[in-house]
C-alpha cells in the first residue's frame, strides 16, 4: 500500500463588507476574506494538503489567481476538481485534519455542518474529516482581526 501525507496552509486578508466563507459555508460577520475566488481558507488549505500528498504541487498551479474564469468561484467547485485530480492518480483519502485560526467570530457552532459539507465533497465519511478552530490570543494579524489562516493535513492511500 502506498501511503502519502500532505500539508496545506492558506491565508486571506479580512475586509469589511465581504462574505466570510469557511468550509463551504457563509458565516455571518461584518468582515470577510479578500481573494480571487471566494477566499475560503479552510477549503484552500485542504486542497493544498491533498495536492501535496499526491505530488501534484499546489493550488496556484492548478487554479491560478490570474485566471479570469476562476474570479469569485465557489471553492467547493475547486475542491471537487481537486478530487478529480486525486482520483486520476489512484488515491483515496484516509483522513483530513484541519485547523482554522480566526479571532472573531467564533465558529465552533458551524463546525459540524462544515464537516458534513467537506465529507460529501471529499467522498468520505464524516469520521474521516476533522475541523478545529482556534484564535491567536490577540497576537499578530490574525489576533488583530486583519486576516484568517487555515492549516490542513491529508493522508492518502493507493
Protein backbone atom coordinates (compact mmCIF):
# COMPACT_ATOMS: atom_id res chain seq x y z
CA UNK A 1 0.00 0.00 0.00
CA UNK A 2 1.27 3.47 -0.91
CA UNK A 3 0.53 6.00 1.86
CA UNK A 4 1.29 9.70 1.48
CA UNK A 5 0.76 12.71 3.70
CA UNK A 6 0.33 16.31 2.59
CA UNK A 7 0.31 19.65 4.40
CA UNK A 8 -1.67 22.71 3.37
CA UNK A 9 -1.79 26.33 4.50
CA UNK A 10 -3.79 29.32 3.37
CA UNK A 11 -4.25 32.92 4.47
CA UNK A 12 -6.59 35.71 3.42
CA UNK A 13 -6.91 39.34 4.41
CA UNK A 14 -10.21 40.22 6.11
CA UNK A 15 -12.08 43.28 4.87
CA UNK A 16 -15.34 44.98 5.77
CA UNK A 17 -18.40 44.11 3.71
CA UNK A 18 -17.13 40.88 2.14
CA UNK A 19 -18.74 37.49 2.82
CA UNK A 20 -16.91 35.27 5.29
CA UNK A 21 -16.75 31.82 3.67
CA UNK A 22 -15.26 28.97 5.71
CA UNK A 23 -15.62 25.30 4.90
CA UNK A 24 -18.13 25.95 2.16
CA UNK A 25 -20.41 27.96 4.44
CA UNK A 26 -21.15 31.66 4.69
CA UNK A 27 -20.62 32.70 8.31
CA UNK A 28 -22.41 35.88 9.44
CA UNK A 29 -19.81 38.56 10.16
CA UNK A 30 -19.06 42.14 9.14
CA UNK A 31 -15.71 41.13 7.61
CA UNK A 32 -14.88 38.52 5.01
CA UNK A 33 -11.92 37.17 3.10
CA UNK A 34 -10.39 39.04 0.20
CA UNK A 35 -9.33 36.76 -2.63
CA UNK A 36 -9.59 35.90 -6.30
CA UNK A 37 -12.12 33.17 -5.51
CA UNK A 38 -14.48 33.19 -2.51
CA UNK A 39 -11.42 33.20 -0.18
CA UNK A 40 -12.42 30.02 1.68
CA UNK A 41 -9.19 29.44 3.62
CA UNK A 42 -10.28 26.09 5.00
CA UNK A 43 -11.06 24.53 1.63
CA UNK A 44 -7.91 26.06 0.13
CA UNK A 45 -5.70 24.59 2.87
CA UNK A 46 -7.35 21.19 2.40
CA UNK A 47 -6.83 21.39 -1.37
CA UNK A 48 -3.13 22.16 -0.89
CA UNK A 49 -2.77 19.24 1.53
CA UNK A 50 -4.43 16.87 -0.94
CA UNK A 51 -2.41 18.11 -3.91
CA UNK A 52 0.82 17.93 -1.92
CA UNK A 53 0.15 14.39 -0.75
CA UNK A 54 -0.47 13.33 -4.35
CA UNK A 55 2.71 15.07 -5.54
CA UNK A 56 0.68 17.48 -7.68
CA UNK A 57 2.29 20.73 -6.44
CA UNK A 58 -0.14 23.36 -5.13
CA UNK A 59 -3.44 25.15 -5.62
CA UNK A 60 -1.82 28.01 -7.55
CA UNK A 61 -0.52 25.64 -10.22
CA UNK A 62 -3.95 24.16 -10.91
CA UNK A 63 -6.14 27.19 -10.14
CA UNK A 64 -4.04 30.35 -10.70
CA UNK A 65 -5.28 33.65 -9.30
CA UNK A 66 -4.80 35.33 -12.68
CA UNK A 67 -7.34 33.05 -14.40
CA UNK A 68 -10.43 35.21 -15.04
CA UNK A 69 -12.66 32.11 -15.23
CA UNK A 70 -11.94 31.48 -11.53
CA UNK A 71 -12.85 35.00 -10.36
CA UNK A 72 -15.21 34.70 -7.35
CA UNK A 73 -15.62 30.95 -7.97
CA UNK A 74 -17.11 28.85 -5.19
CA UNK A 75 -14.22 26.94 -3.59
CA UNK A 76 -16.43 23.86 -3.31
CA UNK A 77 -16.15 23.64 -7.11
CA UNK A 78 -12.36 23.86 -6.86
CA UNK A 79 -12.32 21.12 -4.22
CA UNK A 80 -14.41 18.88 -6.47
CA UNK A 81 -11.92 19.48 -9.30
CA UNK A 82 -9.08 18.69 -6.92
CA UNK A 83 -10.78 15.42 -6.03
CA UNK A 84 -10.84 14.52 -9.74
CA UNK A 85 -7.06 15.07 -9.88
CA UNK A 86 -6.52 12.94 -6.78
CA UNK A 87 -8.65 10.10 -8.15
CA UNK A 88 -6.85 10.25 -11.52
CA UNK A 89 -3.65 9.46 -9.60
CA UNK A 90 -5.35 6.44 -7.99
CA UNK A 91 -5.51 7.85 -4.46
CA UNK A 92 -8.29 7.73 -1.89
CA UNK A 93 -8.48 9.86 1.23
CA UNK A 94 -7.77 8.18 4.54
CA UNK A 95 -8.40 11.32 6.57
CA UNK A 96 -8.15 15.11 6.63
CA UNK A 97 -7.42 17.17 9.74
CA UNK A 98 -7.66 20.97 9.61
CA UNK A 99 -7.47 24.00 11.89
CA UNK A 100 -8.89 27.46 11.23
CA UNK A 101 -7.24 30.40 13.02
CA UNK A 102 -9.62 33.32 13.43
CA UNK A 103 -10.10 35.79 16.26
CA UNK A 104 -13.76 36.60 15.54
CA UNK A 105 -16.41 35.37 15.02
CA UNK A 106 -16.42 32.14 17.00
CA UNK A 107 -17.17 29.34 14.52
CA UNK A 108 -17.45 26.26 16.73
CA UNK A 109 -21.23 26.04 16.21
CA UNK A 110 -20.69 25.83 12.44
CA UNK A 111 -18.09 23.07 12.50
CA UNK A 112 -20.48 20.07 12.41
CA UNK A 113 -22.07 21.41 9.20
CA UNK A 114 -18.64 22.21 7.73
CA UNK A 115 -17.61 18.61 8.36
CA UNK A 116 -20.77 17.35 6.67
CA UNK A 117 -20.16 19.54 3.60
CA UNK A 118 -16.47 18.66 3.40
CA UNK A 119 -17.06 14.92 3.83
CA UNK A 120 -19.56 14.99 0.96
CA UNK A 121 -17.11 16.84 -1.31
CA UNK A 122 -14.20 14.63 -0.27
CA UNK A 123 -16.30 11.49 -0.79
CA UNK A 124 -15.51 10.15 2.69
CA UNK A 125 -17.40 9.63 5.92
CA UNK A 126 -17.68 12.45 8.42
CA UNK A 127 -15.46 10.47 10.80
CA UNK A 128 -12.60 10.93 8.31
CA UNK A 129 -12.77 14.75 8.48
CA UNK A 130 -11.68 16.82 11.47
CA UNK A 131 -12.09 20.59 11.66
CA UNK A 132 -10.92 22.61 14.63
CA UNK A 133 -10.90 26.33 15.36
CA UNK A 134 -8.61 28.47 17.46
CA UNK A 135 -7.68 32.10 17.97
CA UNK A 136 -4.27 33.76 18.02
CA UNK A 137 -4.91 35.13 21.53
CA UNK A 138 -4.94 38.68 20.17
CA UNK A 139 -1.47 38.36 18.61
CA UNK A 140 -0.38 39.18 15.05
CA UNK A 141 -2.53 39.86 12.00
CA UNK A 142 -5.00 37.11 12.95
CA UNK A 143 -5.25 38.41 16.51
CA UNK A 144 -5.76 41.95 15.22
CA UNK A 145 -8.61 40.66 13.03
CA UNK A 146 -6.79 41.63 9.83
CA UNK A 147 -6.67 38.09 8.46
CA UNK A 148 -7.64 34.45 8.72
CA UNK A 149 -5.48 31.36 8.28
CA UNK A 150 -6.05 27.64 7.97
CA UNK A 151 -3.79 24.60 8.18
CA UNK A 152 -4.59 21.10 6.97
CA UNK A 153 -3.02 17.68 6.69
CA UNK A 154 -4.32 14.91 4.47
CA UNK A 155 -3.44 11.24 4.41
CA UNK A 156 -3.90 9.50 1.07
CA UNK A 157 -3.58 5.85 0.19
CA UNK A 158 -3.33 3.99 -3.10
